[in-house]
């Protein structure tokens, strides 16, 4: 828990999306609990997915949304 808490605290200001890829259900559960106990910075959106393909799809979708906000 201290490592997770520190990682969330020292997140750089330009971090907008933190993508975690794992098929391990236990790991997803632990990170989900930690993220509720120790919320991440306001500018960071943390997403957990089960595959690299899903991660790339989510990243592309997020970038399209960000580009639309700029316009």
Protein backbone atom coordinates (compact mmCIF):
# COMPACT_ATOMS: atom_id res chain seq x y z
CA UNK A 1 0.00 0.00 0.00
CA UNK A 2 2.72 2.56 0.73
CA UNK A 3 4.19 2.06 -2.76
CA UNK A 4 0.82 2.61 -4.41
CA UNK A 5 0.16 5.69 -2.28
CA UNK A 6 3.57 7.16 -3.13
CA UNK A 7 3.13 6.42 -6.84
CA UNK A 8 -0.17 8.31 -6.88
CA UNK A 9 1.36 11.21 -4.95
CA UNK A 10 4.39 11.72 -7.24
CA UNK A 11 2.49 11.40 -10.51
CA UNK A 12 3.74 14.01 -13.00
CA UNK A 13 1.31 16.82 -13.84
CA UNK A 14 1.14 15.84 -17.52
CA UNK A 15 -0.04 12.28 -16.77
CA UNK A 16 -3.58 12.01 -18.05
CA UNK A 17 -4.13 8.29 -18.54
CA UNK A 18 -2.62 5.42 -16.59
CA UNK A 19 -3.27 2.12 -18.37
CA UNK A 20 -2.71 -1.11 -16.43
CA UNK A 21 -2.84 -4.40 -18.35
CA UNK A 22 -3.30 -7.64 -16.42
CA UNK A 23 -5.33 -10.81 -16.69
CA UNK A 24 -4.87 -11.47 -12.97
CA UNK A 25 -8.23 -10.95 -11.26
CA UNK A 26 -6.58 -10.70 -7.83
CA UNK A 27 -4.30 -7.88 -9.01
CA UNK A 28 -7.26 -6.02 -10.52
CA UNK A 29 -9.17 -6.36 -7.25
CA UNK A 30 -6.26 -5.12 -5.13
CA UNK A 31 -5.62 -2.09 -7.38
CA UNK A 32 -9.34 -1.34 -7.42
CA UNK A 33 -9.42 -1.33 -3.62
CA UNK A 34 -6.26 0.80 -3.39
CA UNK A 35 -7.66 3.31 -5.88
CA UNK A 36 -10.73 3.79 -3.68
CA UNK A 37 -8.71 4.11 -0.47
CA UNK A 38 -5.99 6.33 -2.01
CA UNK A 39 -7.52 8.35 -4.83
CA UNK A 40 -5.16 9.36 -7.64
CA UNK A 41 -4.51 12.93 -8.69
CA UNK A 42 -7.34 14.83 -10.33
CA UNK A 43 -5.70 14.84 -13.74
CA UNK A 44 -5.01 11.08 -13.85
CA UNK A 45 -7.54 8.62 -15.17
CA UNK A 46 -6.59 5.04 -14.22
CA UNK A 47 -7.94 2.22 -16.37
CA UNK A 48 -7.37 -1.51 -15.91
CA UNK A 49 -7.80 -3.83 -18.89
CA UNK A 50 -7.18 -7.51 -19.60
CA UNK A 51 -5.30 -7.28 -22.91
CA UNK A 52 -2.91 -5.11 -24.87
CA UNK A 53 -5.45 -4.82 -27.68
CA UNK A 54 -8.05 -3.44 -25.27
CA UNK A 55 -5.46 -1.02 -23.86
CA UNK A 56 -4.58 0.32 -27.30
CA UNK A 57 -8.27 0.70 -28.16
CA UNK A 58 -8.93 2.62 -24.92
CA UNK A 59 -5.89 4.85 -25.49
CA UNK A 60 -7.07 5.68 -29.03
CA UNK A 61 -10.57 6.46 -27.76
CA UNK A 62 -9.19 8.69 -25.00
CA UNK A 63 -6.97 10.58 -27.44
CA UNK A 64 -9.91 11.16 -29.80
CA UNK A 65 -11.96 12.56 -26.90
CA UNK A 66 -9.07 14.83 -25.87
CA UNK A 67 -8.70 16.08 -29.47
CA UNK A 68 -12.42 16.89 -29.65
CA UNK A 69 -12.20 18.92 -26.42
CA UNK A 70 -9.43 21.05 -27.90
CA UNK A 71 -11.46 22.00 -30.98
